[in-house]
Amino acid sequence: MQNYTMRSYKILCWTGIILSSLSLAAGEQTKLQSQLPTSIEAAEVDQRIQAAQNQVPVRQLYEEMFTKGRYELLNQTFAAKCPVHFGSRNVSLQQAVAEGKGWRSAAPDMVMTINQLTVNGDMVTCVWTCRGTHTGNGHGLKPTGKRILLHGNSRFRVVNGRIVEAWNEEYRPELFKQLGVSKAAAFIYTTADGIWSLLPDRLYALLQ
């Protein structure tokens, strides 16, 4: 009888231990499950914040620098040695800025409109429209009074709030067509500009 009582006591003890362990395990699992959505939500919030931050320099480029001529924002918008690509044409940041300033001089009312911004990690893609009137002097072209309407797609890699590399579609053939620039004149212009682009930045700046 005593052995039976002891055996029953041990069974009850082991049963209690097992049930307690199962209860603790279930509690931990419930705790982890309750924390998991919070972690996912926090990660999603961080991604949205980062995406919004990566859009800032791209918006500055189109809305402030291009449209309003605020080129003093250059160092806030771009990393110091940011390479810039126009189709198969590669230029330095300084040369790209000079090119943009030249076209703004040619079309003082130029407005760059962002139609769509898409962010994928550190890459920002911009679909844009450019409007203006060729009433000024720029890039050696005489004013024609013609309206300019260009559409394009550009991609930017953004790191620590600044653009570190830019890829653009080549826009000049369509622009020359709208301005009535002959193929011969366009060829001379692009050839001369290609030679200029080979100059070191310091010499290029001195000759501007």
Protein backbone atom coordinates (compact mmCIF):
# COMPACT_ATOMS: atom_id res chain seq x y z
CA MET A 1 0.00 0.00 0.00
CA GLN A 2 2.83 2.36 0.88
CA ASN A 3 4.64 1.57 -2.39
CA TYR A 4 1.44 2.25 -4.32
CA THR A 5 1.01 5.60 -2.55
CA MET A 6 4.64 6.57 -3.31
CA ARG A 7 4.25 5.55 -6.94
CA SER A 8 1.06 7.62 -7.25
CA TYR A 9 2.82 10.59 -5.64
CA LYS A 10 5.72 10.37 -8.09
CA ILE A 11 3.31 10.15 -11.02
CA LEU A 12 1.47 13.23 -9.81
CA CYS A 13 4.77 15.12 -9.39
CA TRP A 14 6.01 14.22 -12.89
CA THR A 15 2.60 15.06 -14.34
CA GLY A 16 2.77 18.48 -12.65
CA ILE A 17 6.28 19.10 -13.95
CA ILE A 18 5.32 18.13 -17.50
CA LEU A 19 2.18 20.27 -17.46
CA SER A 20 4.12 23.23 -16.05
CA SER A 21 6.75 22.86 -18.79
CA LEU A 22 4.09 22.68 -21.47
CA SER A 23 2.39 25.74 -20.02
CA LEU A 24 5.66 27.72 -19.99
CA ALA A 25 6.46 26.65 -23.55
CA ALA A 26 2.99 27.68 -24.71
CA GLY A 27 3.40 31.00 -22.93
CA GLU A 28 6.76 31.67 -24.61
CA GLN A 29 5.35 30.72 -28.00
CA THR A 30 2.42 33.07 -27.46
CA LYS A 31 4.84 35.82 -26.42
CA LEU A 32 6.98 35.31 -29.52
CA GLN A 33 3.90 35.27 -31.74
CA SER A 34 2.68 38.51 -30.19
CA GLN A 35 6.09 40.14 -30.75
CA LEU A 36 6.50 38.96 -34.37
CA PRO A 37 3.90 41.27 -35.99
CA THR A 38 5.34 44.19 -34.03
CA SER A 39 8.83 43.45 -35.41
CA ILE A 40 7.50 43.17 -38.97
CA GLU A 41 5.55 46.40 -38.58
CA ALA A 42 8.65 48.18 -37.22
CA ALA A 43 10.70 46.96 -40.18
CA GLU A 44 8.04 48.17 -42.60
CA VAL A 45 7.99 51.57 -40.91
CA ASP A 46 11.80 51.79 -41.15
CA GLN A 47 11.62 50.92 -44.87
CA ARG A 48 9.00 53.62 -45.49
CA ILE A 49 11.10 56.19 -43.62
CA GLN A 50 14.22 55.23 -45.59
CA ALA A 51 12.31 55.35 -48.87
CA ALA A 52 11.03 58.85 -48.05
CA GLN A 53 14.55 59.99 -47.13
CA ASN A 54 16.01 58.60 -50.38
CA GLN A 55 13.49 60.66 -52.37
CA VAL A 56 14.68 63.96 -50.83
CA PRO A 57 17.83 64.59 -52.95
CA VAL A 58 16.01 63.54 -56.14
CA ARG A 59 13.21 66.02 -55.43
CA GLN A 60 15.81 68.69 -54.69
CA LEU A 61 17.44 68.03 -58.06
CA TYR A 62 14.26 68.47 -60.11
CA GLU A 63 12.19 70.89 -58.06
CA GLU A 64 14.93 73.15 -56.68
CA MET A 65 18.08 72.90 -58.83
CA PHE A 66 16.60 72.35 -62.30
CA THR A 67 13.33 74.27 -61.96
CA LYS A 68 14.37 77.12 -59.64
CA GLY A 69 18.08 77.26 -60.50
CA ARG A 70 19.16 76.69 -56.90
CA TYR A 71 22.52 75.15 -57.70
CA GLU A 72 23.83 76.11 -54.25
CA LEU A 73 22.13 72.87 -53.14
CA LEU A 74 24.63 70.85 -55.18
CA ASN A 75 26.64 69.58 -52.19
CA GLN A 76 23.46 68.66 -50.31
CA THR A 77 22.08 66.76 -53.28
CA PHE A 78 25.13 64.95 -54.70
CA ALA A 79 28.18 63.16 -53.34
CA ALA A 80 31.40 64.94 -54.35
CA LYS A 81 32.50 62.57 -57.13
CA CYS A 82 29.14 61.34 -58.38
CA PRO A 83 29.41 59.91 -61.93
CA VAL A 84 26.59 60.86 -64.29
CA HIS A 85 25.50 58.83 -67.33
CA PHE A 86 23.39 59.95 -70.31
CA GLY A 87 22.76 56.81 -72.31
CA SER A 88 26.26 55.65 -73.31
CA ARG A 89 27.72 59.08 -72.50
CA ASN A 90 29.57 59.41 -69.19
CA VAL A 91 30.44 62.76 -67.60
CA SER A 92 31.62 64.07 -64.26
CA LEU A 93 29.26 65.78 -61.84
CA GLN A 94 30.78 69.18 -62.60
CA GLN A 95 30.30 68.68 -66.34
CA ALA A 96 26.71 67.50 -65.85
CA VAL A 97 25.92 70.58 -63.73
CA ALA A 98 27.43 72.87 -66.39
CA GLU A 99 25.28 71.11 -69.00
CA GLY A 100 22.15 71.64 -66.92
CA LYS A 101 22.97 75.31 -66.31
CA GLY A 102 23.50 75.81 -70.04
CA TRP A 103 20.06 74.47 -70.90
CA ARG A 104 18.48 76.55 -68.16
CA SER A 105 20.11 79.62 -69.71
CA ALA A 106 18.69 78.57 -73.08
CA ALA A 107 15.21 78.09 -71.58
CA PRO A 108 14.91 80.39 -68.52
CA ASP A 109 11.30 79.30 -67.89
CA MET A 110 12.26 75.62 -67.79
CA VAL A 111 10.21 73.49 -65.39
CA MET A 112 11.04 69.88 -64.52
CA THR A 113 8.00 67.98 -63.28
CA ILE A 114 8.25 64.68 -61.40
CA ASN A 115 5.52 62.40 -62.70
CA GLN A 116 6.45 59.35 -60.63
CA LEU A 117 9.06 58.34 -58.05
CA THR A 118 9.74 54.68 -57.28
CA VAL A 119 12.11 53.55 -54.53
CA ASN A 120 13.72 50.11 -54.37
CA GLY A 121 16.31 50.01 -51.60
CA ASP A 122 18.94 52.64 -52.38
CA MET A 123 17.73 53.04 -55.99
CA VAL A 124 15.27 55.80 -56.88
CA THR A 125 13.65 55.87 -60.32
CA CYS A 126 12.11 59.11 -61.58
CA VAL A 127 9.75 59.55 -64.52
CA TRP A 128 9.84 63.24 -65.46
CA THR A 129 8.63 65.88 -67.92
CA CYS A 130 10.57 68.97 -68.98
CA ARG A 131 8.86 72.07 -70.36
CA GLY A 132 10.35 75.38 -71.43
CA THR A 133 10.74 78.01 -74.13
CA HIS A 134 13.97 78.53 -76.07
CA THR A 135 14.28 82.29 -75.53
CA GLY A 136 17.78 82.54 -74.08
CA ASN A 137 21.38 81.93 -75.06
CA GLY A 138 22.89 78.66 -73.96
CA HIS A 139 25.23 76.04 -75.37
CA GLY A 140 26.01 78.30 -78.34
CA LEU A 141 22.50 78.02 -79.80
CA LYS A 142 20.65 81.15 -80.93
CA PRO A 143 17.18 81.57 -79.37
CA THR A 144 14.42 80.18 -81.57
CA GLY A 145 11.38 80.93 -79.40
CA LYS A 146 10.31 77.32 -79.80
CA ARG A 147 8.56 75.38 -77.05
CA ILE A 148 10.37 72.40 -75.52
CA LEU A 149 8.58 69.30 -74.25
CA LEU A 150 10.67 66.32 -73.19
CA HIS A 151 9.80 63.13 -71.31
CA GLY A 152 12.39 60.93 -69.68
CA ASN A 153 13.35 58.32 -67.14
CA SER A 154 16.28 58.62 -64.72
CA ARG A 155 17.67 56.39 -61.98
CA PHE A 156 19.68 57.42 -58.96
CA ARG A 157 21.56 55.55 -56.27
CA VAL A 158 21.21 57.34 -52.95
CA VAL A 159 23.48 56.74 -49.96
CA ASN A 160 23.36 58.71 -46.69
CA GLY A 161 20.95 61.24 -48.14
CA ARG A 162 22.95 62.13 -51.28
CA ILE A 163 23.02 60.90 -54.88
CA VAL A 164 26.19 58.87 -55.50
CA GLU A 165 25.48 57.86 -59.13
CA ALA A 166 22.95 58.88 -61.79
CA TRP A 167 21.72 57.21 -64.99
CA ASN A 168 19.69 59.19 -67.54
CA GLU A 169 18.31 58.54 -70.98
CA GLU A 170 20.09 60.51 -73.69
CA TYR A 171 17.83 63.50 -74.35
CA ARG A 172 19.80 65.60 -76.85
CA PRO A 173 18.63 64.08 -80.18
CA GLU A 174 14.98 64.81 -79.31
CA LEU A 175 15.83 68.28 -78.00
CA PHE A 176 17.80 69.18 -81.14
CA LYS A 177 14.88 67.95 -83.25
CA GLN A 178 12.41 70.17 -81.40
CA LEU A 179 14.73 73.20 -81.72
CA GLY A 180 15.26 72.60 -85.43
CA VAL A 181 19.00 71.98 -85.12
CA SER A 182 20.30 70.34 -88.28
CA LYS A 183 21.98 66.94 -88.11
CA ALA A 184 25.28 68.50 -89.22
CA ALA A 185 25.11 71.17 -86.52
CA ALA A 186 24.08 68.58 -83.92
CA PHE A 187 27.02 66.38 -84.93
CA ILE A 188 29.47 69.28 -84.57
CA TYR A 189 27.99 70.19 -81.21
CA THR A 190 28.07 66.66 -79.76
CA THR A 191 31.60 66.05 -81.09
CA ALA A 192 32.91 69.26 -79.54
CA ASP A 193 31.07 68.52 -76.31
CA GLY A 194 32.60 65.04 -76.24
CA ILE A 195 36.09 66.56 -76.48
CA TRP A 196 35.25 68.96 -73.66
CA SER A 197 34.05 66.09 -71.49
CA LEU A 198 37.50 64.50 -71.69
CA LEU A 199 39.12 67.45 -69.94
CA PRO A 200 39.98 67.12 -66.23
CA ASP A 201 37.45 68.86 -64.02
CA ARG A 202 39.87 71.58 -62.87
CA LEU A 203 40.85 72.54 -66.43
CA TYR A 204 37.22 72.25 -67.53
CA ALA A 205 36.19 74.72 -64.78
CA LEU A 206 38.90 77.20 -65.79
CA LEU A 207 37.78 77.21 -69.41
CA GLN A 208 34.10 77.70 -68.62
